[in-house]
Protein backbone atom coordinates (compact mmCIF):
# COMPACT_ATOMS: atom_id res chain seq x y z
CA MET A 1 -0.18 0.12 -0.22
CA LYS A 2 0.92 2.91 -1.23
CA LYS A 3 1.38 5.99 1.91
CA GLY A 4 -0.14 8.97 1.42
CA LEU A 5 -2.15 8.42 -1.90
CA THR A 6 -5.38 9.07 -2.11
CA GLU A 7 -8.18 7.07 -5.24
CA LEU A 8 -10.78 9.72 -6.37
CA VAL A 9 -14.08 8.36 -8.40
CA PHE A 10 -16.25 10.96 -8.95
CA ILE A 11 -19.09 9.60 -10.67
CA LEU A 12 -21.28 12.82 -11.58
CA GLU A 13 -24.92 12.39 -12.83
CA GLN A 14 -25.75 14.31 -15.90
CA SER A 15 -29.83 13.62 -16.28
CA TYR A 16 -31.81 16.80 -16.52
CA ALA A 17 -33.40 15.91 -12.74
CA MET A 18 -29.18 17.83 -12.36
CA ALA A 19 -29.68 20.77 -13.94
CA GLY A 20 -30.78 22.65 -10.26
CA ILE A 21 -27.83 21.67 -8.25
CA LYS A 22 -25.70 22.17 -11.81
CA ALA A 23 -24.00 24.95 -10.38
CA ASP A 24 -23.77 23.27 -7.24
CA ILE A 25 -21.90 19.82 -7.79
CA ILE A 26 -19.33 22.24 -10.33
CA GLU A 27 -18.64 24.49 -7.28
CA LYS A 28 -18.04 21.19 -5.23
CA PHE A 29 -15.80 18.82 -7.64
CA ASN A 30 -13.12 22.09 -8.07
CA SER A 31 -13.06 22.44 -4.43
CA LEU A 32 -12.35 19.21 -3.30
CA ILE A 33 -9.74 18.92 -5.99
CA TYR A 34 -7.89 22.10 -4.77
CA GLU A 35 -8.37 21.37 -1.62
CA TYR A 36 -6.52 18.01 -2.23
CA ARG A 37 -3.75 20.49 -4.55
CA ASP A 38 -3.34 22.68 -1.85
CA ALA A 39 -3.00 20.07 1.09
CA ARG A 40 -0.39 18.39 -1.27
CA LYS A 41 -2.06 15.52 -1.45
CA GLU A 42 -1.06 12.62 -3.58
CA THR A 43 -4.30 11.50 -5.69
CA LEU A 44 -5.52 10.07 -8.76
CA VAL A 45 -8.74 11.40 -10.13
CA THR A 46 -10.81 8.97 -11.70
CA THR A 47 -14.30 11.17 -13.65
CA ILE A 48 -17.36 9.28 -14.62
CA MET A 49 -20.47 10.99 -16.57
CA SER A 50 -23.34 9.60 -15.92
CA GLY A 51 -26.05 10.56 -18.97
CA THR A 52 -27.68 7.77 -20.93
CA SER A 53 -23.86 5.76 -20.83
CA SER A 54 -21.04 6.04 -19.13
CA VAL A 55 -18.18 8.01 -20.28
CA ILE A 56 -15.02 8.34 -18.70
CA PHE A 57 -14.03 11.71 -18.40
CA HIS A 58 -10.83 11.19 -16.43
CA ASP A 59 -8.89 7.94 -16.19
CA ARG A 60 -6.94 7.72 -12.79
CA ILE A 61 -4.39 11.46 -13.78
CA GLY A 62 -2.72 12.92 -11.12
CA LEU A 63 -4.41 15.51 -10.09
CA GLU A 64 -2.65 18.57 -11.09
CA LYS A 65 -3.20 17.21 -14.78
CA VAL A 66 -6.94 17.69 -13.64
CA LYS A 67 -8.58 21.05 -15.24
CA PRO A 68 -11.20 22.91 -13.50
CA LEU A 69 -14.90 21.26 -13.83
CA THR A 70 -16.66 23.62 -16.50
CA ALA A 71 -20.45 23.87 -17.38
CA GLU A 72 -19.76 22.58 -20.37
CA ASP A 73 -17.92 19.21 -18.93
CA TYR A 74 -20.82 19.07 -17.21
CA ILE A 75 -23.81 18.75 -19.40
CA THR A 76 -27.37 17.54 -17.61
CA GLU A 77 -29.64 16.65 -20.09
CA GLY A 78 -32.20 13.61 -20.30
CA ASN A 79 -32.12 10.60 -18.40
CA SER A 80 -28.62 8.52 -16.36
CA VAL A 81 -27.48 4.92 -16.44
CA LEU A 82 -25.93 6.19 -13.15
CA LEU A 83 -26.88 2.92 -11.03
CA ASP A 84 -24.61 1.30 -14.38
CA SER A 85 -21.52 3.56 -13.61
CA VAL A 86 -21.30 3.02 -9.84
CA GLY A 87 -20.64 -0.63 -10.85
CA LEU A 88 -18.84 -0.14 -13.91
CA ALA A 89 -17.01 2.22 -12.15
CA SER A 90 -16.04 0.40 -8.63
CA LYS A 91 -15.14 -2.96 -10.90
CA HIS A 92 -13.46 -0.44 -13.19
CA ILE A 93 -11.07 0.35 -9.79
CA SER A 94 -11.09 -2.78 -8.23
CA THR A 95 -9.38 -4.70 -10.62
CA ILE A 96 -6.89 -2.14 -10.99
CA GLN A 97 -6.44 -2.39 -7.96
CA LYS A 98 -6.32 -5.83 -7.28
CA TYR A 99 -3.20 -6.16 -10.41
CA ILE A 100 -1.58 -3.53 -9.54
CA ARG A 101 2.17 -3.60 -7.40
CA SER A 102 1.13 -3.85 -3.65
CA GLU A 103 3.80 -0.92 -2.88
CA ASP A 104 1.31 1.11 -5.62
CA ARG A 105 -2.26 0.72 -4.71
CA PRO A 106 -3.76 3.60 -2.71
CA GLU A 107 -3.67 4.42 0.98
CA HIS A 108 -7.25 5.22 0.84
CA THR A 109 -10.43 5.09 -2.29
CA VAL A 110 -13.19 7.76 -1.85
CA PHE A 111 -16.01 7.30 -4.02
CA ILE A 112 -18.01 10.61 -4.82
CA ILE A 113 -21.92 10.42 -6.42
CA ALA A 114 -23.41 13.49 -7.41
CA ALA A 115 -26.97 11.71 -8.18
CA SER A 116 -30.92 12.78 -7.65
CA GLY A 117 -31.91 9.84 -7.46
CA ARG A 118 -34.29 10.10 -10.34
CA ASN A 119 -34.59 9.77 -14.50
CA ASP A 120 -32.21 6.06 -13.70
CA ILE A 121 -32.67 4.55 -16.80
CA SER A 122 -29.86 1.58 -16.21
CA LYS A 123 -29.61 -1.84 -17.59
CA THR A 124 -26.97 -4.37 -16.01
CA TYR A 125 -26.96 -3.09 -11.88
CA THR A 126 -29.88 -3.04 -9.88
CA ALA A 127 -29.66 -0.73 -6.50
CA GLU A 128 -29.64 -3.84 -4.36
CA ARG A 129 -26.71 -5.28 -6.15
CA ILE A 130 -24.90 -1.63 -5.97
CA GLU A 131 -25.99 -1.21 -2.47
CA SER A 132 -24.32 -4.77 -1.74
CA ILE A 133 -21.42 -3.75 -4.04
CA ILE A 134 -20.69 -0.91 -1.52
CA ALA A 135 -21.65 -2.78 1.82
CA GLN A 136 -18.77 -4.93 0.61
CA ARG A 137 -16.11 -2.47 -0.24
CA LYS A 138 -16.65 -0.85 2.54
CA GLU A 139 -16.63 -3.16 4.69
CA LYS A 140 -13.49 -5.37 2.71
CA ARG A 141 -11.23 -2.98 1.37
CA GLY A 142 -12.21 0.66 3.81
CA TRP A 143 -13.55 1.78 -0.03
CA ASN A 144 -15.21 5.08 1.54
CA PHE A 145 -18.03 6.91 -0.70
CA GLU A 146 -20.06 10.17 -0.51
CA PHE A 147 -22.90 11.41 -1.52
CA TRP A 148 -23.54 15.17 -3.11
CA GLY A 149 -27.72 15.74 -3.92
CA VAL A 150 -29.39 12.38 -2.33
CA SER A 151 -28.06 10.17 0.39
CA MET A 152 -27.42 6.76 -0.86
CA GLU A 153 -30.41 5.56 1.21
CA SER A 154 -32.70 7.87 -0.47
CA LEU A 155 -31.52 7.01 -3.91
CA LEU A 156 -31.86 3.23 -3.15
CA ALA A 157 -35.54 3.82 -2.18
CA ALA A 158 -36.48 5.97 -5.34
CA HIS A 159 -34.86 2.94 -7.33
CA LYS A 160 -37.23 0.38 -5.00
CA LEU A 161 -40.29 2.63 -5.43
CA LYS A 162 -40.28 2.97 -9.18
CA ASN A 163 -39.65 -0.71 -9.30
CA LYS A 164 -42.73 -0.91 -7.47
CA THR A 165 -44.73 1.73 -9.05
CA ALA A 166 -43.85 -0.16 -13.08
CA GLU A 167 -44.96 -3.58 -11.10
CA ILE A 168 -48.23 -1.46 -10.53
CA ALA A 169 -48.57 0.19 -13.46
CA ASP A 170 -49.13 -3.00 -15.12
CA ASP A 171 -51.84 -4.43 -12.79
CA VAL A 172 -53.48 -1.39 -13.39
CA GLY A 173 -52.87 -1.19 -16.70
CA GLY A 174 -50.80 2.26 -17.46
CA PRO A 175 -47.23 3.65 -16.49
CA ASP A 176 -48.57 7.43 -17.06
CA ASP A 177 -49.98 8.48 -14.37
CA LEU A 178 -49.03 6.54 -11.82
CA THR A 179 -45.77 7.10 -13.06
CA GLU A 180 -45.63 11.34 -13.35
CA TYR A 181 -47.07 11.28 -9.84
CA VAL A 182 -44.46 8.49 -8.19
CA GLU A 183 -42.28 12.02 -10.05
CA ASP A 184 -44.07 14.38 -8.54
CA ILE A 185 -43.67 12.70 -4.83
CA LEU A 186 -40.22 12.34 -5.25
CA ARG A 187 -39.85 16.00 -6.18
CA ILE A 188 -41.29 17.54 -2.47
CA PHE A 189 -39.10 14.93 -1.16
CA GLU A 190 -36.68 16.08 -2.53
CA ASN A 191 -37.51 20.31 -2.06
CA ARG A 192 -37.74 19.05 1.59
CA LYS A 193 -34.81 18.70 1.56
CA ASN A 194 -33.39 21.50 0.25
């Protein structure tokens, strides 16, 4: 293990639901990068943009090479494959850390997930699977996970509610009104937190 080395992994949801906090996410990202630079912490940065597909924006680059995030970099529109992005990023970083020399393995690994908890169209990973992966990485590898925008519990609850809504909609014969109703409830819940 390389003492003092931190691996920062950002997963930034780009759905339209993030538009209201876009400026805050950009500010938090840039502030954290500056904070690590000021502290002279040796850091590798990975950034995944999670729109309708996962796009690797930075792939384990040195902190000194990370440019400030801009509104042109972080575009919020449409839906997101957030759960797939979290799963794939976790697998990517886990695989790299497994095969690199132990003396090059980071002392700390921190995932920062900026999410709304809505508009997810992931196909590969479920909320339950991501919950399991996060619990395992925390327990067995000491990884840390931070959430900007919505907590992990809220994110998982929203996905479970969305899945249940789809089941009920199938039973009653139509998803449109029911889905809109649930999204309204989630927006109210989200606004009460702010």
